[in-house]
C-alpha atoms as a PDB file:
ATOM      1  CA  PHE A   1       0.000   0.000   0.000  1.00  0.00           C
ATOM      2  CA  THR A   2       1.579   3.268  -1.113  1.00  0.00           C
ATOM      3  CA  ILE A   3       0.350   6.816  -0.927  1.00  0.00           C
ATOM      4  CA  MET A   4       1.019   8.862  -4.015  1.00  0.00           C
ATOM      5  CA  ALA A   5       1.949  12.485  -3.596  1.00  0.00           C
ATOM      6  CA  PRO A   6      -0.354  14.990  -5.298  1.00  0.00           C
ATOM      7  CA  PRO A   7       0.963  16.820  -8.361  1.00  0.00           C
ATOM      8  CA  SER A   8       3.098  19.857  -7.606  1.00  0.00           C
ATOM      9  CA  GLN A   9       0.499  22.251  -9.074  1.00  0.00           C
ATOM     10  CA  ILE A  10      -2.103  21.083  -6.573  1.00  0.00           C
ATOM     11  CA  VAL A  11       0.385  21.427  -3.725  1.00  0.00           C
ATOM     12  CA  SER A  12       1.157  24.992  -4.858  1.00  0.00           C
ATOM     13  CA  ILE A  13      -2.536  25.894  -4.935  1.00  0.00           C
ATOM     14  CA  ILE A  14      -3.062  24.404  -1.474  1.00  0.00           C
ATOM     15  CA  LYS A  15      -0.102  26.391  -0.127  1.00  0.00           C
ATOM     16  CA  ILE A  16      -1.495  29.613  -1.581  1.00  0.00           C
ATOM     17  CA  TYR A  17      -4.896  28.985   0.016  1.00  0.00           C
ATOM     18  CA  LEU A  18      -3.335  28.149   3.396  1.00  0.00           C
ATOM     19  CA  TRP A  19      -0.987  31.155   3.399  1.00  0.00           C
ATOM     20  CA  GLN A  20      -3.808  33.418   2.323  1.00  0.00           C
ATOM     21  CA  PHE A  21      -6.068  32.091   5.067  1.00  0.00           C
ATOM     22  CA  GLY A  22      -3.310  32.521   7.658  1.00  0.00           C
ATOM     23  CA  PHE A  23      -2.523  36.128   6.698  1.00  0.00           C
ATOM     24  CA  LEU A  24      -6.205  36.894   6.313  1.00  0.00           C
ATOM     25  CA  SER A  25      -6.910  35.615   9.817  1.00  0.00           C
ATOM     26  CA  LEU A  26      -4.155  37.746  11.348  1.00  0.00           C
ATOM     27  CA  GLU A  27      -5.112  40.836   9.391  1.00  0.00           C
ATOM     28  CA  GLU A  28      -8.844  40.521  10.046  1.00  0.00           C
ATOM     29  CA  SER A  29      -8.242  39.753  13.704  1.00  0.00           C
ATOM     30  CA  PHE A  30      -6.233  42.956  14.073  1.00  0.00           C
ATOM     31  CA  PHE A  31      -8.214  45.349  11.860  1.00  0.00           C
ATOM     32  CA  GLY A  32     -11.639  43.752  12.192  1.00  0.00           C
ATOM     33  CA  GLN A  33     -11.779  42.726  15.814  1.00  0.00           C
ATOM     34  CA  TYR A  34      -9.041  44.449  17.790  1.00  0.00           C
ATOM     35  CA  LEU A  35      -8.498  47.893  16.279  1.00  0.00           C
ATOM     36  CA  GLY A  36     -11.894  48.324  14.630  1.00  0.00           C
ATOM     37  CA  ALA A  37     -13.888  47.116  17.611  1.00  0.00           C
ATOM     38  CA  THR A  38     -11.874  49.253  20.026  1.00  0.00           C
ATOM     39  CA  LEU A  39     -12.242  52.415  17.933  1.00  0.00           C
ATOM     40  CA  CYS A  40     -15.939  51.865  17.250  1.00  0.00           C
ATOM     41  CA  GLU A  41     -16.582  51.219  20.940  1.00  0.00           C
ATOM     42  CA  LYS A  42     -14.635  54.271  22.149  1.00  0.00           C
ATOM     43  CA  ILE A  43     -15.500  56.976  19.602  1.00  0.00           C
ATOM     44  CA  GLY A  44     -18.517  55.645  17.681  1.00  0.00           C
ATOM     45  CA  ILE A  45     -19.096  53.413  14.692  1.00  0.00           C
ATOM     46  CA  ILE A  46     -18.658  55.917  11.839  1.00  0.00           C
ATOM     47  CA  PRO A  47     -15.591  57.786  13.201  1.00  0.00           C
ATOM     48  CA  GLY A  48     -14.027  54.513  14.334  1.00  0.00           C
ATOM     49  CA  ALA A  49     -14.620  52.939  10.930  1.00  0.00           C
ATOM     50  CA  LEU A  50     -13.065  55.957   9.182  1.00  0.00           C
ATOM     51  CA  ILE A  51      -9.923  55.882  11.333  1.00  0.00           C
ATOM     52  CA  ASN A  52      -9.648  52.113  10.949  1.00  0.00           C
ATOM     53  CA  ALA A  53      -9.944  52.444   7.148  1.00  0.00           C
ATOM     54  CA  VAL A  54      -7.196  55.097   7.044  1.00  0.00           C
ATOM     55  CA  ILE A  55      -4.854  52.916   9.130  1.00  0.00           C
ATOM     56  CA  PHE A  56      -5.739  49.965   6.875  1.00  0.00           C
ATOM     57  CA  LEU A  57      -4.656  52.061   3.866  1.00  0.00           C
ATOM     58  CA  GLY A  58      -1.345  52.863   5.525  1.00  0.00           C
ATOM     59  CA  PHE A  59      -0.798  49.160   6.086  1.00  0.00           C
ATOM     60  CA  HIS A  60      -1.544  48.313   2.440  1.00  0.00           C
ATOM     61  CA  TYR A  61       0.375  51.248   0.964  1.00  0.00           C
ATOM     62  CA  SER A  62       3.593  49.227   1.330  1.00  0.00           C
ATOM     63  CA  MET A  63       2.228  46.680  -1.148  1.00  0.00           C
ATOM     64  CA  TYR A  64       0.303  48.795  -3.637  1.00  0.00           C
ATOM     65  CA  GLY A  65       2.022  52.189  -3.529  1.00  0.00           C
ATOM     66  CA  TRP A  66      -0.056  55.084  -4.781  1.00  0.00           C
ATOM     67  CA  ALA A  67      -2.351  52.962  -6.967  1.00  0.00           C
ATOM     68  CA  ALA A  68      -5.401  55.155  -6.371  1.00  0.00           C
ATOM     69  CA  ASN A  69      -8.016  52.736  -7.721  1.00  0.00           C
ATOM     70  CA  ILE A  70      -6.807  49.960  -5.414  1.00  0.00           C
ATOM     71  CA  LEU A  71      -6.450  52.219  -2.373  1.00  0.00           C
ATOM     72  CA  ILE A  72      -9.918  53.713  -2.840  1.00  0.00           C
ATOM     73  CA  SER A  73     -11.491  50.272  -3.122  1.00  0.00           C
ATOM     74  CA  LEU A  74      -9.552  49.126  -0.033  1.00  0.00           C
ATOM     75  CA  PHE A  75     -10.735  52.182   1.894  1.00  0.00           C
ATOM     76  CA  ILE A  76     -14.370  51.535   0.958  1.00  0.00           C
ATOM     77  CA  PHE A  77     -14.031  47.836   1.802  1.00  0.00           C
ATOM     78  CA  ARG A  78     -12.506  48.460   5.233  1.00  0.00           C
ATOM     79  CA  PHE A  79     -14.935  51.285   6.053  1.00  0.00           C
ATOM     80  CA  LEU A  80     -17.989  49.171   5.234  1.00  0.00           C
ATOM     81  CA  GLY A  81     -16.413  46.072   6.768  1.00  0.00           C
ATOM     82  CA  SER A  82     -15.726  47.921  10.018  1.00  0.00           C
ATOM     83  CA  ILE A  83     -19.313  49.130  10.157  1.00  0.00           C
ATOM     84  CA  ALA A  84     -20.640  45.601   9.534  1.00  0.00           C
ATOM     85  CA  ASN A  85     -18.265  44.142  12.132  1.00  0.00           C
ATOM     86  CA  ALA A  86     -19.355  46.725  14.700  1.00  0.00           C
ATOM     87  CA  ILE A  87     -23.055  46.190  14.062  1.00  0.00           C
ATOM     88  CA  TYR A  88     -22.924  42.379  14.102  1.00  0.00           C
ATOM     89  CA  ARG A  89     -20.025  42.160  16.611  1.00  0.00           C
ATOM     90  CA  SER A  90     -18.324  39.581  14.430  1.00  0.00           C
ATOM     91  CA  MET A  91     -15.482  39.595  11.932  1.00  0.00           C
ATOM     92  CA  VAL A  92     -17.307  37.200   9.616  1.00  0.00           C
ATOM     93  CA  PRO A  93     -18.871  39.906   7.364  1.00  0.00           C
ATOM     94  CA  SER A  94     -15.518  41.409   6.415  1.00  0.00           C
ATOM     95  CA  ALA A  95     -13.491  38.183   6.620  1.00  0.00           C
ATOM     96  CA  GLU A  96     -15.554  36.421   3.952  1.00  0.00           C
ATOM     97  CA  THR A  97     -15.368  39.429   1.653  1.00  0.00           C
ATOM     98  CA  HIS A  98     -11.643  39.829   2.316  1.00  0.00           C
ATOM     99  CA  PHE A  99     -11.053  36.165   1.449  1.00  0.00           C
ATOM    100  CA  LEU A 100     -12.876  36.537  -1.893  1.00  0.00           C
ATOM    101  CA  ILE A 101     -11.043  39.772  -2.739  1.00  0.00           C
ATOM    102  CA  ASN A 102      -7.683  38.110  -2.056  1.00  0.00           C
ATOM    103  CA  LEU A 103      -8.600  35.089  -4.182  1.00  0.00           C
ATOM    104  CA  ILE A 104      -9.573  37.339  -7.086  1.00  0.00           C
ATOM    105  CA  ALA A 105      -6.330  39.332  -6.690  1.00  0.00           C
ATOM    106  CA  LEU A 106      -4.205  36.175  -6.635  1.00  0.00           C
ATOM    107  CA  LYS A 107      -5.992  34.815  -9.685  1.00  0.00           C
ATOM    108  CA  SER A 108      -5.597  38.113 -11.561  1.00  0.00           C
ATOM    109  CA  ILE A 109      -1.823  38.190 -11.077  1.00  0.00           C
ATOM    110  CA  GLY A 110      -1.543  34.571 -12.154  1.00  0.00           C
ATOM    111  CA  ALA A 111      -0.468  33.162  -8.815  1.00  0.00           C
ATOM    112  CA  TYR A 112      -2.308  29.925  -9.660  1.00  0.00           C
END
């Protein structure tokens, strides 16, 4: 009885999904639950969501530079995600959307 290893392409795709899920979990835990929840609790949902979105942009600037179309879409995503997280007191609304956005981005650059 032998176990055959999966083809290297499948292993690469699995690694991409696992790395993406790991980074996504850390990022959403920080921005969605820790920072966003703290700001929304202390200063209100809308101001907290705005500040969280601006900090989120600063974090992503290192990857995307001044690509305005990407930064604007990231700002809108984080602003709306922070509001949804604050209302539902869960990071699931923004985490699912974040996962899909990252998958689309990886697919568009030909990562798999």
